[in-house]
N, C-alpha and C. Protein backbone atom coordinates (compact mmCIF):
# COMPACT_ATOMS: atom_id res chain seq x y z
N MET A 1 -0.73 -11.26 43.82
CA MET A 1 0.35 -10.98 42.41
C MET A 1 -0.31 -11.57 40.99
N LYS A 2 -0.95 -12.58 41.00
CA LYS A 2 -1.90 -13.15 39.46
C LYS A 2 -2.52 -11.91 39.68
N THR A 3 -3.57 -11.29 40.28
CA THR A 3 -4.66 -10.25 40.12
C THR A 3 -4.00 -8.81 39.71
N ARG A 4 -3.01 -8.44 40.47
CA ARG A 4 -2.22 -7.38 40.51
C ARG A 4 -1.44 -6.88 38.67
N LYS A 5 -1.30 -8.34 38.16
CA LYS A 5 -1.22 -8.28 36.43
C LYS A 5 -1.80 -7.95 35.67
N ILE A 6 -3.19 -8.68 36.13
CA ILE A 6 -4.31 -8.31 35.56
C ILE A 6 -4.97 -7.59 35.27
N VAL A 7 -4.67 -6.19 36.20
CA VAL A 7 -5.67 -5.09 36.58
C VAL A 7 -4.16 -4.15 35.74
N MET A 8 -2.92 -4.51 36.10
CA MET A 8 -2.34 -3.56 35.11
C MET A 8 -2.52 -4.15 33.92
N LEU A 9 -2.39 -4.95 33.51
CA LEU A 9 -2.33 -5.12 32.03
C LEU A 9 -4.03 -4.68 31.69
N THR A 10 -4.94 -4.63 31.97
CA THR A 10 -6.03 -4.28 31.38
C THR A 10 -5.97 -2.46 31.70
N MET A 11 -5.55 -1.93 32.21
CA MET A 11 -5.10 -0.54 32.59
C MET A 11 -4.44 0.00 31.77
N LEU A 12 -3.24 -1.36 31.29
CA LEU A 12 -2.14 -0.64 29.65
C LEU A 12 -2.90 -0.44 28.33
N PHE A 13 -4.31 -2.38 28.48
CA PHE A 13 -4.71 -2.70 27.00
C PHE A 13 -5.81 -1.09 26.88
N THR A 14 -6.22 -0.31 28.14
CA THR A 14 -7.18 0.69 28.14
C THR A 14 -6.67 2.05 27.90
N VAL A 15 -5.54 2.37 28.05
CA VAL A 15 -4.46 3.63 27.76
C VAL A 15 -4.38 3.24 26.05
N LEU A 16 -3.69 2.18 25.58
CA LEU A 16 -3.29 1.76 24.46
C LEU A 16 -4.51 2.38 23.58
N SER A 17 -5.39 1.84 23.81
CA SER A 17 -6.97 2.13 23.12
C SER A 17 -7.04 3.46 23.43
N MET A 18 -6.93 3.93 24.43
CA MET A 18 -7.13 5.54 23.91
C MET A 18 -6.56 6.51 23.15
N VAL A 19 -5.13 6.16 23.11
CA VAL A 19 -4.25 6.68 22.63
C VAL A 19 -4.30 6.37 21.31
N VAL A 20 -4.93 4.84 20.69
CA VAL A 20 -5.61 4.85 19.15
C VAL A 20 -6.38 5.46 19.03
N ALA A 21 -7.60 5.51 19.78
CA ALA A 21 -8.83 6.26 19.41
C ALA A 21 -8.87 7.41 19.20
N LEU A 22 -8.00 8.40 19.82
CA LEU A 22 -7.19 9.88 19.56
C LEU A 22 -6.69 10.80 18.33
N ALA A 23 -5.80 8.96 17.98
CA ALA A 23 -4.98 9.52 17.60
C ALA A 23 -5.66 9.37 15.45
N GLN A 24 -6.98 8.17 16.04
CA GLN A 24 -7.56 8.56 14.71
C GLN A 24 -8.63 10.26 14.32
N GLY A 25 -8.92 10.02 15.84
CA GLY A 25 -10.03 11.42 15.38
C GLY A 25 -8.89 12.15 14.97
N GLN A 26 -7.66 12.60 15.37
CA GLN A 26 -6.60 13.88 15.01
C GLN A 26 -6.49 13.74 13.17
N ARG A 27 -6.74 12.56 12.80
CA ARG A 27 -6.45 12.06 11.58
C ARG A 27 -7.66 13.33 10.82
N GLY A 28 -8.66 13.31 11.02
CA GLY A 28 -9.97 13.79 9.95
C GLY A 28 -11.11 13.01 10.32
N GLY A 29 -11.03 11.74 10.92
CA GLY A 29 -12.60 11.02 10.54
C GLY A 29 -13.74 11.79 11.26
N ASN A 30 -14.00 12.53 12.32
CA ASN A 30 -14.87 13.54 12.42
C ASN A 30 -14.81 15.45 12.12
N ALA A 31 -13.99 15.41 10.76
CA ALA A 31 -13.33 16.81 10.66
C ALA A 31 -14.55 17.39 9.58
N SER A 32 -15.22 18.20 9.95
CA SER A 32 -16.15 18.90 9.42
C SER A 32 -15.63 19.61 7.62
N PRO A 33 -16.91 19.93 6.94
CA PRO A 33 -16.86 19.40 5.42
C PRO A 33 -15.38 21.24 5.28
N GLU A 34 -15.83 22.00 6.39
CA GLU A 34 -14.26 23.17 6.44
C GLU A 34 -13.11 22.28 6.60
N GLU A 35 -12.33 22.15 7.79
CA GLU A 35 -11.93 21.76 7.81
C GLU A 35 -11.09 20.85 6.96
N ARG A 36 -11.82 20.06 6.70
CA ARG A 36 -11.17 18.73 5.93
C ARG A 36 -10.42 19.57 4.41
N ALA A 37 -11.49 20.79 4.12
CA ALA A 37 -10.94 21.24 2.95
C ALA A 37 -9.55 22.57 3.26
N THR A 38 -9.85 23.01 4.06
CA THR A 38 -8.75 23.66 4.89
C THR A 38 -7.02 22.97 5.16
N ARG A 39 -6.88 21.34 5.78
CA ARG A 39 -6.69 20.74 6.06
C ARG A 39 -6.12 20.86 4.58
N MET A 40 -6.74 20.35 3.38
CA MET A 40 -6.27 19.06 1.90
C MET A 40 -5.62 20.57 1.39
N THR A 41 -6.09 21.79 1.81
CA THR A 41 -6.12 22.80 0.79
C THR A 41 -4.09 23.28 1.17
N ASP A 42 -3.95 23.20 2.49
CA ASP A 42 -2.88 23.28 2.90
C ASP A 42 -1.78 22.20 2.81
N ARG A 43 -1.45 21.45 2.66
CA ARG A 43 -1.36 20.28 2.07
C ARG A 43 -0.48 20.87 0.22
N LEU A 44 -1.37 21.26 -0.41
CA LEU A 44 -1.18 21.64 -1.57
C LEU A 44 -0.53 23.14 -1.40
N LYS A 45 -1.17 23.83 -0.83
CA LYS A 45 -0.15 25.31 -1.19
C LYS A 45 0.98 25.13 -0.45
N THR A 46 1.33 24.31 0.44
CA THR A 46 3.21 23.57 0.80
C THR A 46 3.86 22.88 -0.65
N SER A 47 3.38 21.81 -0.83
CA SER A 47 3.42 20.80 -1.72
C SER A 47 4.00 21.51 -3.13
N LEU A 48 2.73 22.42 -3.44
CA LEU A 48 2.62 23.17 -4.97
C LEU A 48 2.90 24.85 -4.95
N LYS A 49 3.66 24.90 -3.91
CA LYS A 49 3.99 26.62 -3.68
C LYS A 49 2.37 27.41 -4.57
N LEU A 50 1.10 27.72 -3.96
CA LEU A 50 0.41 27.63 -4.88
C LEU A 50 0.37 29.25 -4.22
N THR A 51 0.02 30.25 -4.95
CA THR A 51 -0.37 31.89 -5.29
C THR A 51 -1.03 31.90 -4.23
N ASP A 52 -2.11 33.15 -3.41
CA ASP A 52 -2.80 33.45 -2.69
C ASP A 52 -3.98 32.72 -3.63
N GLU A 53 -3.97 33.91 -4.54
CA GLU A 53 -5.07 33.60 -5.49
C GLU A 53 -5.79 31.96 -5.69
N GLN A 54 -4.62 31.28 -5.99
CA GLN A 54 -4.83 29.88 -6.45
C GLN A 54 -5.28 29.15 -4.90
N VAL A 55 -4.90 29.66 -3.84
CA VAL A 55 -5.05 29.43 -2.34
C VAL A 55 -6.54 29.45 -2.32
N ALA A 56 -7.19 30.40 -2.84
CA ALA A 56 -8.46 30.60 -1.85
C ALA A 56 -9.72 29.94 -2.84
N LYS A 57 -9.02 30.14 -5.10
CA LYS A 57 -10.18 29.20 -5.28
C LYS A 57 -9.83 27.26 -5.16
N VAL A 58 -8.65 26.67 -4.91
CA VAL A 58 -8.47 25.58 -4.74
C VAL A 58 -9.15 25.25 -3.20
N HIS A 59 -9.19 26.07 -2.10
CA HIS A 59 -9.72 26.13 -0.80
C HIS A 59 -11.38 25.76 -1.64
N ALA A 60 -12.01 26.97 -2.49
CA ALA A 60 -13.57 26.75 -2.83
C ALA A 60 -13.39 24.82 -3.28
N VAL A 61 -13.04 24.85 -4.01
CA VAL A 61 -12.94 23.38 -4.45
C VAL A 61 -12.59 21.98 -3.73
N TYR A 62 -11.84 22.49 -2.96
CA TYR A 62 -11.86 21.50 -1.68
C TYR A 62 -13.63 21.23 -0.87
N LEU A 63 -13.60 22.41 -0.52
CA LEU A 63 -14.87 22.67 0.53
C LEU A 63 -16.21 22.24 -0.52
N GLN A 64 -16.43 22.18 -1.74
CA GLN A 64 -17.53 21.86 -2.41
C GLN A 64 -17.25 20.36 -2.57
N MET A 65 -16.00 20.14 -2.72
CA MET A 65 -15.80 18.07 -2.72
C MET A 65 -16.36 17.71 -1.59
N SER A 66 -15.55 18.29 0.10
CA SER A 66 -15.77 17.99 0.97
C SER A 66 -17.26 17.71 1.26
N LYS A 67 -18.57 18.76 0.94
CA LYS A 67 -19.61 19.04 1.24
C LYS A 67 -20.13 17.68 0.29
N ASP A 68 -20.40 17.80 -1.02
CA ASP A 68 -20.42 16.65 -1.93
C ASP A 68 -20.65 14.94 -1.02
N MET A 69 -19.49 15.04 -0.90
CA MET A 69 -18.62 13.41 -0.35
C MET A 69 -19.37 12.94 1.17
N ALA A 70 -19.85 13.85 1.85
CA ALA A 70 -20.98 13.61 3.12
C ALA A 70 -22.08 13.67 2.73
N ALA A 71 -22.80 14.80 1.98
CA ALA A 71 -23.57 14.32 1.08
C ALA A 71 -23.80 12.81 0.76
N ALA A 72 -22.97 12.70 -0.12
CA ALA A 72 -23.36 11.20 -0.95
C ALA A 72 -23.08 10.02 0.25
N ARG A 73 -22.66 10.25 1.27
CA ARG A 73 -22.38 9.15 2.83
C ARG A 73 -23.95 9.06 3.50
N GLU A 74 -24.38 10.50 3.18
CA GLU A 74 -25.79 10.20 4.16
C GLU A 74 -26.68 9.62 3.42
N SER A 75 -26.75 9.98 1.54
CA SER A 75 -27.95 9.53 1.18
C SER A 75 -27.45 7.92 0.92
N GLY A 76 -26.71 7.55 1.09
CA GLY A 76 -26.73 5.91 0.68
C GLY A 76 -26.76 5.60 -0.61
N GLU A 77 -26.09 6.79 -1.30
CA GLU A 77 -26.01 6.01 -2.53
C GLU A 77 -25.07 5.18 -2.59
N ASP A 78 -24.43 4.67 -3.84
CA ASP A 78 -22.93 3.80 -4.42
C ASP A 78 -21.85 4.75 -4.04
N MET A 79 -21.35 4.52 -3.01
CA MET A 79 -20.12 5.28 -2.79
C MET A 79 -18.71 5.58 -3.54
N ARG A 80 -18.87 4.12 -4.80
CA ARG A 80 -17.84 3.88 -5.10
C ARG A 80 -18.10 5.14 -6.30
N THR A 81 -19.08 4.42 -6.61
CA THR A 81 -19.82 5.78 -7.85
C THR A 81 -19.34 6.69 -7.56
N SER A 82 -20.11 7.25 -6.56
CA SER A 82 -20.52 8.68 -6.55
C SER A 82 -19.16 9.76 -5.82
N MET A 83 -17.66 8.42 -5.33
CA MET A 83 -16.83 9.42 -4.74
C MET A 83 -16.06 9.68 -6.23
N GLN A 84 -16.54 8.54 -7.75
CA GLN A 84 -15.55 8.38 -8.71
C GLN A 84 -15.69 9.79 -9.20
N THR A 85 -16.93 10.21 -9.10
CA THR A 85 -17.81 11.58 -9.64
C THR A 85 -16.95 12.03 -9.14
N ILE A 86 -17.26 12.85 -8.10
CA ILE A 86 -16.97 13.86 -7.14
C ILE A 86 -15.95 13.76 -7.43
N MET A 87 -14.84 12.60 -7.46
CA MET A 87 -13.26 12.86 -7.47
C MET A 87 -12.39 13.73 -9.10
N ALA A 88 -13.28 13.24 -9.81
CA ALA A 88 -13.36 13.79 -11.94
C ALA A 88 -13.17 15.00 -11.69
N LYS A 89 -14.91 15.52 -10.69
CA LYS A 89 -15.22 17.40 -11.26
C LYS A 89 -14.08 17.60 -9.81
N GLN A 90 -13.60 17.27 -8.89
CA GLN A 90 -12.37 17.94 -8.69
C GLN A 90 -10.87 17.88 -9.56
N ASP A 91 -10.61 17.34 -9.84
CA ASP A 91 -9.60 17.28 -10.60
C ASP A 91 -9.71 17.99 -12.01
N ALA A 92 -10.75 17.86 -12.40
CA ALA A 92 -10.95 19.01 -13.86
C ALA A 92 -10.95 21.21 -13.17
N GLU A 93 -11.81 20.52 -12.14
CA GLU A 93 -11.74 22.11 -11.54
C GLU A 93 -10.01 22.84 -11.28
N LEU A 94 -9.18 21.45 -10.49
CA LEU A 94 -7.96 21.67 -10.07
C LEU A 94 -6.75 21.54 -11.63
N GLN A 95 -7.46 20.96 -12.13
CA GLN A 95 -6.67 21.43 -13.26
C GLN A 95 -6.66 23.05 -14.17
N LYS A 96 -7.74 23.68 -13.61
CA LYS A 96 -7.99 24.67 -14.67
C LYS A 96 -7.25 26.10 -13.56
N ILE A 97 -6.86 25.94 -12.06
CA ILE A 97 -6.29 26.37 -11.65
C ILE A 97 -4.89 26.59 -11.24
N LEU A 98 -4.06 25.43 -11.46
CA LEU A 98 -2.72 25.08 -11.02
C LEU A 98 -2.27 25.29 -12.62
N THR A 99 -1.29 25.15 -12.67
CA THR A 99 -0.18 25.30 -13.81
C THR A 99 0.15 24.10 -14.40
N PRO A 100 0.51 23.94 -15.16
CA PRO A 100 0.90 22.43 -15.87
C PRO A 100 1.38 22.10 -15.09
N GLU A 101 2.74 22.54 -14.44
CA GLU A 101 3.78 22.01 -13.51
C GLU A 101 3.30 21.64 -12.50
N GLN A 102 2.51 22.85 -11.86
CA GLN A 102 1.66 22.55 -10.35
C GLN A 102 0.81 21.14 -10.57
N TYR A 103 0.35 20.94 -11.32
CA TYR A 103 -0.67 19.99 -11.91
C TYR A 103 -0.45 18.40 -12.17
N LYS A 104 1.22 18.49 -12.42
CA LYS A 104 1.83 17.00 -12.78
C LYS A 104 2.63 16.76 -11.48
N ILE A 105 2.96 17.80 -10.44
CA ILE A 105 3.05 16.62 -9.56
C ILE A 105 1.83 16.68 -8.60
N TYR A 106 1.13 17.64 -8.59
CA TYR A 106 -0.32 17.12 -8.20
C TYR A 106 -0.47 15.41 -8.36
N GLN A 107 -0.50 15.31 -9.66
CA GLN A 107 -1.20 13.93 -10.16
C GLN A 107 0.01 13.12 -9.82
N ASP A 108 1.61 13.65 -9.79
CA ASP A 108 2.12 12.26 -9.05
C ASP A 108 1.77 11.74 -7.79
N GLY A 109 1.61 13.17 -6.89
CA GLY A 109 1.88 12.66 -5.96
C GLY A 109 -0.06 11.98 -5.61
N ARG A 110 -0.79 11.94 -5.80
CA ARG A 110 -1.56 11.77 -6.01
C ARG A 110 -1.42 9.98 -6.20
N LYS A 111 -1.08 9.40 -7.60
CA LYS A 111 -0.67 8.36 -8.41
C LYS A 111 0.45 7.81 -7.21
N GLN A 112 0.80 8.41 -6.30
CA GLN A 112 1.88 7.86 -5.40
C GLN A 112 0.95 7.26 -4.30
N GLN A 113 -0.33 8.52 -3.45
CA GLN A 113 -1.02 8.09 -2.63
C GLN A 113 -1.84 6.98 -2.69
N MET A 114 -2.08 6.29 -4.05
CA MET A 114 -3.01 5.59 -4.47
C MET A 114 -2.33 4.37 -4.23
N GLN A 115 -0.69 3.88 -4.85
CA GLN A 115 -0.37 3.13 -4.88
C GLN A 115 0.17 2.65 -3.18
N THR A 116 0.40 3.32 -2.57
CA THR A 116 0.61 3.35 -0.96
C THR A 116 -1.26 2.82 -0.08
N ARG A 117 -2.20 3.36 -0.66
CA ARG A 117 -3.43 2.86 0.06
C ARG A 117 -3.37 1.77 -0.91
N PHE A 118 -2.97 1.46 -1.98
CA PHE A 118 -3.54 -0.24 -2.56
C PHE A 118 -2.58 -1.63 -2.06
N ASN A 119 -0.89 -1.14 -1.74
CA ASN A 119 -0.21 -1.73 -1.30
C ASN A 119 -0.79 -2.04 0.01
N GLY A 120 -1.34 -1.27 0.95
CA GLY A 120 -1.67 -1.73 2.23
C GLY A 120 -0.35 -0.63 3.06
N SER A 121 -0.13 -0.56 2.58
CA SER A 121 1.30 0.60 3.20
C SER A 121 0.78 1.87 4.25
N GLY A 122 -0.20 2.86 3.91
CA GLY A 122 -0.98 3.57 3.48
C GLY A 122 -1.03 3.67 5.32
N GLY A 123 -1.60 2.88 6.00
CA GLY A 123 -2.02 3.41 7.35
C GLY A 123 -2.67 4.41 7.74
N GLY A 124 -3.63 4.84 6.20
CA GLY A 124 -4.62 6.04 6.32
C GLY A 124 -5.97 5.70 7.49
N ASN A 125 -6.88 6.00 7.21
CA ASN A 125 -8.21 6.09 8.18
C ASN A 125 -9.18 5.94 6.43
N PRO A 126 -9.22 4.17 6.26
CA PRO A 126 -10.28 3.65 5.23
C PRO A 126 -11.56 4.82 4.99
N SER A 127 -12.32 5.47 6.01
CA SER A 127 -13.41 6.04 6.23
C SER A 127 -13.80 7.58 5.34
N ASN A 128 -11.88 7.99 5.54
CA ASN A 128 -12.20 9.20 4.30
C ASN A 128 -12.31 8.83 3.22
């Protein structure tokens, strides 16, 4: 009887571990730069009501950013400095593409995202 409980608990723990691992993988931890760019562009397309022309330009910006981030990770550079530079470049490019109203909504969303992440309630994958 005791052995049976141990086996059942072990199986439960294994299943839960697999569920967590699958959920983390679906968030894009191992996504290619193209997949990340598409996912981020889709978010902005919906939230900012982008035109088709803007979608193409935003996707190009996010694709370049994703490639730059992947290269920075692989190079072993100072990640904080690299990411700040990449994000500043991305924001400057997006400001050229978006209308002033869209850019304000974008900035507000970024601020909220950063607050959520720093408050510890984001639940996101910190390796992204």
